[in-house]
Amino acid sequence: MNTKDRSIVRDMSLAPEGHLKIDWVNAHMPVLNKIREQFEKEKPFQGLKVAISLHLEAKTAYLAKVVQAGGAEVAICGSNPLSTQDDVCAALVEDGITVFAKYNPDPQEYKDLLVKTLETQPDLLIDDGGDLVSTLHTERQDLLKNVRGGAEETTTGILRLKAMEKQGQLKFPMVAVNDAFCKYLFDNRYGTGQSVWDGINRTTNLVAAGKTVVVNGYGWCGKGVAMRAKGLGSNVVVTEIDAIKAVEAYMDGFTVLPMLEAAKIGDIFVTVTGNRDVIRGEHYEVMKDGAILSNAGHFDVEVNKPELEALSTSVRTVRRNIEEYQLKDGRKIYLLAEGRLVNLAAGDGHPAEIMDMTFALQAMSLKYVNDNYKNIGNKVVNVPYELDEQVARFKLAAMNMGIDSLTEQQKAYLDSWAEH
């Protein structure tokens, strides 16, 4: 059966537009192109099956093609119902990749598509949020036997994997791509920072300057969102549960408040914590009329929608990706993209040049785990530093930039405790 017959996509006639999108990011991902050249020569995945669950848009599609160039038989599904782009899915099918994905499937269909991806019996995985891994370990343990290991994209997914490892439940090694320097320093900070505001601005068509923006969480993603909000002229408030990060936010020039206090003054809210119920009933009770809520964490649990609905007399869509909740006292609160990832559900995600580094790490980490899975053990491991540095060097070369190297005297000085 060919990939077109196996795949489940919405409309194959959309493929030409999808090819254009993939071609565009291809031209702006020089690091991944370098790795593709290596993979085409070495064929590190020859004879293997790879399952991928990521936000299925053009940059992800190109990663899938790079893995395919390494000799793999690739099957892919989306990691979020609202971030899948149907034209990109159709283009991938034409390129010989099996696709199980549609934009905005209902919850059961979304789950079924993920399971279909696993039923291709993969040897290796690339996961985003841990959905492939958790499904394998709970509902489809019959498919575990072939899996050598994989790589995880997100903070949320790594938290889930480490919990599994701690409980002795993880059945194969996973590389924590999210924890690599070239991931969180650039993707989480600059990628999230830019793409979140791309999503908010294009969705609302409102000005950010002068408004009070509340950023919930000051990890690397929160840092990026706060920095970009400040650049847009907003007054930025940060909420945190970590005292060290709170001090850091304060010294970066932001106001730090408990969420209940921030809820009273915020015009726009962005959750970036990886936890649930960050914005909930007690906060809705004190919010301004017209407050705008958005989420940039992986799952749609950071803004508690059931509690917002319970406080509302009506809910209506007032603009694409904007739902208006009218509260019993007449106030209106707006939720963007159903509380899902605003940068992907209401935008195109991170810039191609940023994902160039992240997806280069994914491709190299997948090769690493395939080469070493017998020795790693069933645990979560970091991306080896030499892979991280190699991605950075490829990126510097692509930007026509160079750096210095230590002289022999400098190396000797750093290695000595007696020399002054």
Protein backbone atom coordinates (compact mmCIF):
# COMPACT_ATOMS: atom_id res chain seq x y z
CA MET A 1 0.00 0.00 0.00
CA ASN A 2 1.45 3.38 -0.98
CA THR A 3 1.52 6.44 1.29
CA LYS A 4 -1.46 8.06 -0.44
CA ASP A 5 -3.65 5.02 0.22
CA ARG A 6 -2.50 4.69 3.84
CA SER A 7 -2.67 8.36 4.77
CA ILE A 8 -5.63 10.19 6.30
CA VAL A 9 -5.68 13.85 5.27
CA ARG A 10 -8.42 16.33 4.53
CA ASP A 11 -7.86 17.33 0.90
CA MET A 12 -5.11 16.20 -1.48
CA SER A 13 -5.94 19.03 -3.89
CA LEU A 14 -4.28 21.45 -1.43
CA ALA A 15 -0.84 19.92 -2.04
CA PRO A 16 0.53 22.62 -4.40
CA GLU A 17 0.13 25.33 -1.76
CA GLY A 18 1.72 23.04 0.82
CA HIS A 19 4.74 22.48 -1.43
CA LEU A 20 5.23 26.24 -1.72
CA LYS A 21 5.25 26.58 2.09
CA ILE A 22 7.76 23.75 2.47
CA ASP A 23 9.98 25.18 -0.26
CA TRP A 24 9.98 28.56 1.52
CA VAL A 25 11.19 27.17 4.85
CA ASN A 26 13.67 24.90 3.06
CA ALA A 27 15.33 28.04 1.69
CA HIS A 28 15.63 29.46 5.23
CA MET A 29 16.86 26.40 7.15
CA PRO A 30 20.55 26.08 6.20
CA VAL A 31 21.56 23.98 9.21
CA LEU A 32 18.91 21.38 8.50
CA ASN A 33 19.98 21.42 4.85
CA LYS A 34 23.53 20.63 5.94
CA ILE A 35 22.30 17.69 7.98
CA ARG A 36 20.15 16.52 5.09
CA GLU A 37 23.26 16.34 2.91
CA GLN A 38 24.95 14.16 5.54
CA PHE A 39 21.92 11.92 5.90
CA GLU A 40 21.61 11.43 2.16
CA LYS A 41 25.20 10.14 2.08
CA GLU A 42 25.20 8.07 5.28
CA LYS A 43 21.57 6.78 5.38
CA PRO A 44 21.58 6.40 9.21
CA PHE A 45 17.94 5.26 9.30
CA GLN A 46 18.02 2.85 6.39
CA GLY A 47 15.37 0.15 6.85
CA LEU A 48 13.88 1.82 9.95
CA LYS A 49 10.47 3.31 10.62
CA VAL A 50 10.15 6.69 12.34
CA ALA A 51 6.96 8.08 13.88
CA ILE A 52 6.72 11.83 14.40
CA SER A 53 4.18 13.82 16.42
CA LEU A 54 4.78 17.56 16.08
CA HIS A 55 2.86 20.69 15.16
CA LEU A 56 2.26 19.77 11.56
CA GLU A 57 3.18 22.83 9.55
CA ALA A 58 5.86 23.59 6.97
CA LYS A 59 8.94 23.54 9.20
CA THR A 60 7.93 20.22 10.74
CA ALA A 61 7.25 18.88 7.26
CA TYR A 62 10.79 19.70 6.21
CA LEU A 63 12.19 17.90 9.28
CA ALA A 64 10.17 14.83 8.24
CA LYS A 65 11.70 15.04 4.76
CA VAL A 66 15.21 15.26 6.24
CA VAL A 67 14.58 12.13 8.32
CA GLN A 68 13.20 10.46 5.20
CA ALA A 69 16.38 11.45 3.35
CA GLY A 70 18.26 9.43 5.99
CA GLY A 71 16.57 6.29 4.71
CA ALA A 72 13.62 6.13 7.08
CA GLU A 73 10.02 5.23 6.34
CA VAL A 74 8.26 8.16 8.03
CA ALA A 75 4.74 8.43 9.46
CA ILE A 76 3.60 11.71 11.01
CA CYS A 77 0.65 13.14 12.92
CA GLY A 78 -0.11 16.48 14.54
CA SER A 79 0.54 17.26 18.20
CA ASN A 80 -2.26 19.83 18.47
CA PRO A 81 -5.65 19.85 16.69
CA LEU A 82 -5.49 23.51 15.71
CA SER A 83 -1.89 23.72 14.50
CA THR A 84 -2.15 21.19 11.66
CA GLN A 85 -2.11 22.73 8.17
CA ASP A 86 -4.05 20.64 5.67
CA ASP A 87 -2.11 21.85 2.62
CA VAL A 88 1.19 20.84 4.19
CA CYS A 89 -0.23 17.40 5.03
CA ALA A 90 -1.25 16.86 1.41
CA ALA A 91 2.18 17.91 0.15
CA LEU A 92 3.93 15.46 2.46
CA VAL A 93 1.79 12.60 1.19
CA GLU A 94 2.86 13.44 -2.36
CA ASP A 95 6.46 13.33 -1.14
CA GLY A 96 6.08 9.75 0.06
CA ILE A 97 5.45 10.35 3.77
CA THR A 98 2.50 8.71 5.52
CA VAL A 99 0.34 11.36 7.17
CA PHE A 100 -2.43 10.92 9.74
CA ALA A 101 -3.55 14.48 10.41
CA LYS A 102 -6.30 17.01 9.81
CA TYR A 103 -6.95 20.53 11.02
CA ASN A 104 -9.36 20.62 13.97
CA PRO A 105 -10.43 16.98 14.28
CA ASP A 106 -12.76 16.13 17.15
CA PRO A 107 -11.03 14.70 20.26
CA GLN A 108 -11.68 11.06 19.37
CA GLU A 109 -10.50 11.47 15.77
CA TYR A 110 -7.39 13.28 17.00
CA LYS A 111 -6.61 10.32 19.26
CA ASP A 112 -7.33 7.82 16.50
CA LEU A 113 -4.89 9.57 14.16
CA LEU A 114 -2.16 9.41 16.79
CA VAL A 115 -2.79 5.68 17.28
CA LYS A 116 -2.73 5.13 13.50
CA THR A 117 0.75 6.66 13.48
CA LEU A 118 1.91 4.24 16.16
CA GLU A 119 0.38 1.30 14.30
CA THR A 120 3.05 1.75 11.63
CA GLN A 121 5.24 0.01 14.26
CA PRO A 122 8.06 2.57 14.51
CA ASP A 123 11.62 1.91 15.54
CA LEU A 124 12.23 5.53 16.52
CA LEU A 125 10.07 8.45 17.70
CA ILE A 126 10.07 12.23 17.65
CA ASP A 127 7.48 13.44 20.16
CA ASP A 128 6.01 16.78 21.23
CA GLY A 129 4.34 16.80 24.62
CA GLY A 130 4.77 13.07 25.18
CA ASP A 131 1.59 11.90 23.45
CA LEU A 132 3.23 9.14 21.41
CA VAL A 133 5.22 7.85 24.37
CA SER A 134 2.35 7.96 26.86
CA THR A 135 -0.02 6.22 24.44
CA LEU A 136 2.54 3.49 23.84
CA HIS A 137 2.96 2.93 27.56
CA THR A 138 -0.75 2.94 28.41
CA GLU A 139 -3.04 1.95 25.55
CA ARG A 140 -0.75 0.27 23.00
CA GLN A 141 1.94 -1.62 24.86
CA ASP A 142 1.74 -4.23 22.09
CA LEU A 143 3.64 -1.78 19.88
CA LEU A 144 6.52 -1.19 22.32
CA LYS A 145 8.74 -4.07 21.24
CA ASN A 146 10.25 -2.42 18.16
CA VAL A 147 10.91 1.00 19.69
CA ARG A 148 14.60 1.77 20.18
CA GLY A 149 14.10 5.29 21.57
CA GLY A 150 13.33 8.83 20.55
CA ALA A 151 13.59 12.55 21.13
CA GLU A 152 11.22 14.93 22.93
CA GLU A 153 10.61 18.53 21.88
CA THR A 154 8.95 20.29 24.83
CA THR A 155 9.20 21.15 28.50
CA THR A 156 5.80 19.54 29.08
CA GLY A 157 6.86 16.32 27.40
CA ILE A 158 10.10 16.09 29.36
CA LEU A 159 8.25 16.58 32.64
CA ARG A 160 6.03 13.63 31.74
CA LEU A 161 8.99 11.49 30.65
CA LYS A 162 10.95 12.18 33.82
CA ALA A 163 7.91 11.25 35.90
CA MET A 164 7.74 7.95 33.99
CA GLU A 165 11.47 7.37 34.49
CA LYS A 166 11.22 8.11 38.21
CA GLN A 167 8.43 5.55 38.56
CA GLY A 168 10.37 2.96 36.57
CA GLN A 169 7.78 2.98 33.79
CA LEU A 170 9.81 4.28 30.84
CA LYS A 171 10.57 1.40 28.44
CA PHE A 172 13.15 3.01 26.14
CA PRO A 173 15.60 5.95 26.10
CA MET A 174 14.46 9.48 25.20
CA VAL A 175 16.67 12.47 24.41
CA ALA A 176 15.55 15.73 26.05
CA VAL A 177 15.95 18.03 23.06
CA ASN A 178 14.12 20.85 24.89
CA ASP A 179 16.96 21.04 27.43
CA ALA A 180 19.69 21.62 24.84
CA PHE A 181 21.29 25.06 24.72
CA CYS A 182 20.41 25.58 21.05
CA LYS A 183 16.79 24.78 21.87
CA TYR A 184 15.87 26.82 24.93
CA LEU A 185 18.19 29.78 24.38
CA PHE A 186 16.83 30.44 20.89
CA ASP A 187 13.63 28.48 20.22
CA ASN A 188 12.02 28.96 23.64
CA ARG A 189 13.16 32.55 24.10
CA TYR A 190 13.32 34.20 20.66
CA GLY A 191 11.01 31.81 18.82
CA THR A 192 8.23 31.82 21.40
CA GLY A 193 8.68 35.51 22.08
CA GLN A 194 8.16 36.50 18.46
CA SER A 195 5.59 33.91 17.42
CA VAL A 196 3.29 34.46 20.43
CA TRP A 197 2.99 38.13 19.56
CA ASP A 198 2.58 37.31 15.88
CA GLY A 199 -0.40 35.15 16.87
CA ILE A 200 -1.93 37.65 19.29
CA ASN A 201 -1.49 40.64 16.98
CA ARG A 202 -2.83 39.01 13.83
CA THR A 203 -5.78 37.54 15.75
CA THR A 204 -6.88 40.63 17.68
CA ASN A 205 -5.64 43.43 15.39
CA LEU A 206 -5.23 45.53 18.54
CA VAL A 207 -2.33 47.63 19.75
CA ALA A 208 -0.03 46.25 22.45
CA ALA A 209 1.62 49.58 23.32
CA GLY A 210 0.38 51.08 26.57
CA LYS A 211 -1.49 47.95 27.63
CA THR A 212 -0.63 45.90 30.71
CA VAL A 213 0.54 42.43 29.69
CA VAL A 214 0.63 39.70 32.33
CA VAL A 215 3.10 36.90 31.59
CA ASN A 216 2.46 33.83 33.72
CA GLY A 217 5.78 32.05 34.14
CA TYR A 218 9.33 33.32 33.66
CA GLY A 219 11.10 30.33 32.19
CA TRP A 220 12.82 30.69 28.84
CA CYS A 221 9.51 30.99 26.99
CA GLY A 222 8.21 33.53 29.50
CA LYS A 223 11.41 35.56 29.18
CA GLY A 224 10.91 35.76 25.43
CA VAL A 225 7.24 36.73 25.66
CA ALA A 226 7.96 39.41 28.27
CA MET A 227 10.90 40.81 26.30
CA ARG A 228 8.83 41.13 23.12
CA ALA A 229 5.90 42.67 25.01
CA LYS A 230 8.25 45.28 26.43
CA GLY A 231 9.57 45.96 22.92
CA LEU A 232 6.01 46.54 21.73
CA GLY A 233 5.58 49.21 24.40
CA SER A 234 3.53 47.23 26.91
CA ASN A 235 3.71 47.48 30.68
CA VAL A 236 4.77 43.96 31.67
CA VAL A 237 3.81 42.12 34.85
CA VAL A 238 5.26 38.68 35.61
CA THR A 239 3.74 36.06 37.92
CA GLU A 240 5.84 33.20 39.26
CA ILE A 241 5.96 30.38 41.81
CA ASP A 242 9.78 30.25 41.77
CA ALA A 243 11.46 32.86 43.96
CA ILE A 244 14.69 32.88 41.94
CA LYS A 245 12.89 33.45 38.64
CA ALA A 246 10.77 36.15 40.28
CA VAL A 247 13.90 38.04 41.36
CA GLU A 248 15.31 37.62 37.85
CA ALA A 249 12.13 39.07 36.32
CA TYR A 250 12.29 42.02 38.72
CA MET A 251 15.94 42.71 37.86
CA ASP A 252 15.06 42.47 34.17
CA GLY A 253 12.81 45.46 34.76
CA PHE A 254 9.39 43.84 35.14
CA THR A 255 6.79 44.16 37.87
CA VAL A 256 6.28 40.93 39.81
CA LEU A 257 2.92 40.25 41.44
CA PRO A 258 0.84 37.33 42.73
CA MET A 259 -1.65 36.25 40.08
CA LEU A 260 -4.68 37.45 42.01
CA GLU A 261 -3.25 40.98 42.05
CA ALA A 262 -2.08 40.84 38.43
CA ALA A 263 -5.54 39.65 37.35
CA LYS A 264 -7.02 42.98 38.44
CA ILE A 265 -4.83 45.12 36.18
CA GLY A 266 -4.01 42.97 33.14
CA ASP A 267 -5.27 43.78 29.65
CA ILE A 268 -3.62 40.80 27.92
CA PHE A 269 -2.60 37.55 29.63
CA VAL A 270 -0.15 34.95 28.29
CA THR A 271 0.34 31.67 30.17
CA VAL A 272 3.68 29.88 29.62
CA THR A 273 4.08 27.50 32.57
CA GLY A 274 3.40 23.91 31.47
CA ASN A 275 0.98 23.58 34.40
CA ARG A 276 -2.80 23.59 34.70
CA ASP A 277 -5.29 26.14 36.09
CA VAL A 278 -2.85 29.05 36.00
CA ILE A 279 -5.80 31.33 35.24
CA ARG A 280 -8.98 30.16 36.99
CA GLY A 281 -12.25 31.17 38.62
CA GLU A 282 -10.92 33.46 41.34
CA HIS A 283 -8.99 35.40 38.71
CA TYR A 284 -11.95 35.80 36.36
CA GLU A 285 -13.92 37.32 39.22
CA VAL A 286 -11.60 40.35 39.42
CA MET A 287 -10.55 40.84 35.78
CA LYS A 288 -11.22 43.97 33.78
CA ASP A 289 -14.01 44.11 31.24
CA GLY A 290 -12.40 43.24 27.90
CA ALA A 291 -9.43 41.25 29.26
CA ILE A 292 -7.80 39.01 26.63
CA LEU A 293 -6.53 35.56 27.61
CA SER A 294 -4.04 33.47 25.65
CA ASN A 295 -1.88 30.42 26.24
CA ALA A 296 1.56 29.49 24.93
CA GLY A 297 1.98 26.27 26.94
CA HIS A 298 1.67 22.91 25.23
CA PHE A 299 -1.76 21.80 26.48
CA ASP A 300 -5.01 23.77 26.69
CA VAL A 301 -5.23 23.43 30.48
CA GLU A 302 -3.41 26.55 31.63
CA VAL A 303 -6.52 28.70 31.20
CA ASN A 304 -9.36 26.91 33.01
CA LYS A 305 -12.15 26.98 30.42
CA PRO A 306 -14.81 25.06 32.40
CA GLU A 307 -14.64 27.59 35.24
CA LEU A 308 -14.82 30.48 32.76
CA GLU A 309 -17.87 28.91 31.12
CA ALA A 310 -19.52 28.37 34.50
CA LEU A 311 -19.23 32.10 35.25
CA SER A 312 -20.64 33.10 31.85
CA THR A 313 -24.14 33.65 30.57
CA SER A 314 -23.13 33.34 26.90
CA VAL A 315 -20.22 32.35 24.70
CA ARG A 316 -19.84 33.40 21.09
CA THR A 317 -17.14 33.61 18.43
CA VAL A 318 -16.62 37.28 17.64
CA ARG A 319 -13.66 36.90 15.29
CA ARG A 320 -11.71 33.93 14.05
CA ASN A 321 -9.89 32.39 17.01
CA ILE A 322 -11.56 34.77 19.50
CA GLU A 323 -14.33 33.59 21.82
CA GLU A 324 -16.22 36.13 23.89
CA TYR A 325 -17.38 35.02 27.34
CA GLN A 326 -20.02 37.35 28.81
CA LEU A 327 -20.03 37.08 32.58
CA LYS A 328 -23.10 37.33 34.77
CA ASP A 329 -22.21 40.88 35.84
CA GLY A 330 -21.92 42.04 32.22
CA ARG A 331 -18.14 41.99 31.88
CA LYS A 332 -16.65 40.34 28.78
CA ILE A 333 -13.52 38.22 28.72
CA TYR A 334 -11.94 37.08 25.45
CA LEU A 335 -10.13 33.77 24.96
CA LEU A 336 -7.81 33.28 21.99
CA ALA A 337 -7.52 30.01 20.03
CA GLU A 338 -9.63 28.03 22.52
CA GLY A 339 -6.81 28.30 25.03
CA ARG A 340 -4.50 26.27 22.82
CA LEU A 341 -1.03 27.37 21.72
CA VAL A 342 -1.71 30.87 20.43
CA ASN A 343 1.44 31.01 18.32
CA LEU A 344 0.51 27.89 16.37
CA ALA A 345 -3.27 27.66 16.61
CA ALA A 346 -3.59 31.33 15.61
CA GLY A 347 -0.31 31.74 13.73
CA ASP A 348 2.46 29.94 11.86
CA GLY A 349 4.62 29.14 14.87
CA HIS A 350 8.27 29.97 15.32
CA PRO A 351 10.31 31.57 12.52
CA ALA A 352 12.03 29.14 10.15
CA GLU A 353 15.52 30.34 11.10
CA ILE A 354 14.82 29.51 14.75
CA MET A 355 13.35 26.06 14.08
CA ASP A 356 16.35 25.39 11.87
CA MET A 357 18.42 24.87 15.02
CA THR A 358 15.78 23.00 16.99
CA PHE A 359 14.96 20.57 14.22
CA ALA A 360 18.66 20.08 13.48
CA LEU A 361 18.95 18.98 17.11
CA GLN A 362 15.97 16.66 16.64
CA ALA A 363 17.49 15.01 13.58
CA MET A 364 20.93 14.62 15.17
CA SER A 365 19.44 13.39 18.46
CA LEU A 366 17.42 10.78 16.61
CA LYS A 367 20.62 9.50 15.00
CA TYR A 368 22.37 9.57 18.39
CA VAL A 369 19.71 7.49 20.11
CA ASN A 370 19.65 5.02 17.22
CA ASP A 371 23.43 4.61 17.43
CA ASN A 372 23.51 4.27 21.23
CA TYR A 373 20.14 2.95 22.43
CA LYS A 374 21.60 -0.35 23.65
CA ASN A 375 23.94 1.47 26.05
CA ILE A 376 21.76 4.39 27.20
CA GLY A 377 19.16 2.48 29.20
CA ASN A 378 15.50 3.32 29.73
CA LYS A 379 15.94 6.90 30.85
CA VAL A 380 15.81 10.53 29.78
CA VAL A 381 19.21 11.82 28.62
CA ASN A 382 20.50 15.22 27.55
CA VAL A 383 21.61 16.08 24.05
CA PRO A 384 25.40 15.53 23.99
CA TYR A 385 27.18 18.86 24.17
CA GLU A 386 29.16 18.17 20.99
CA LEU A 387 25.89 17.92 19.02
CA ASP A 388 24.66 21.16 20.56
CA GLU A 389 27.89 22.93 19.66
CA GLN A 390 27.90 21.46 16.15
CA VAL A 391 24.46 22.95 15.49
CA ALA A 392 25.72 26.33 16.69
CA ARG A 393 28.78 26.11 14.44
CA PHE A 394 26.63 25.21 11.44
CA LYS A 395 24.45 28.21 12.25
CA LEU A 396 27.40 30.57 12.51
CA ALA A 397 28.72 29.35 9.17
CA ALA A 398 25.30 29.87 7.57
CA MET A 399 25.30 33.46 8.83
CA ASN A 400 28.87 34.03 7.55
CA MET A 401 30.12 34.62 11.07
CA GLY A 402 33.27 33.32 12.71
CA ILE A 403 34.58 32.99 16.25
CA ASP A 404 38.03 32.70 17.84
CA SER A 405 39.83 29.57 19.05
CA LEU A 406 42.06 29.25 22.10
CA THR A 407 45.81 29.41 21.55
CA GLU A 408 47.93 26.59 22.98
CA GLN A 409 49.11 28.97 25.72
CA GLN A 410 45.52 29.82 26.60
CA LYS A 411 44.60 26.14 26.78
CA ALA A 412 47.56 25.47 29.06
CA TYR A 413 46.60 28.41 31.27
CA LEU A 414 43.03 27.18 31.68
CA ASP A 415 44.23 23.65 32.43
CA SER A 416 46.70 24.75 35.10
CA TRP A 417 46.03 25.68 38.72
CA ALA A 418 49.54 26.98 39.41
CA GLU A 419 50.04 29.39 36.50
CA HIS A 420 49.15 33.07 37.07
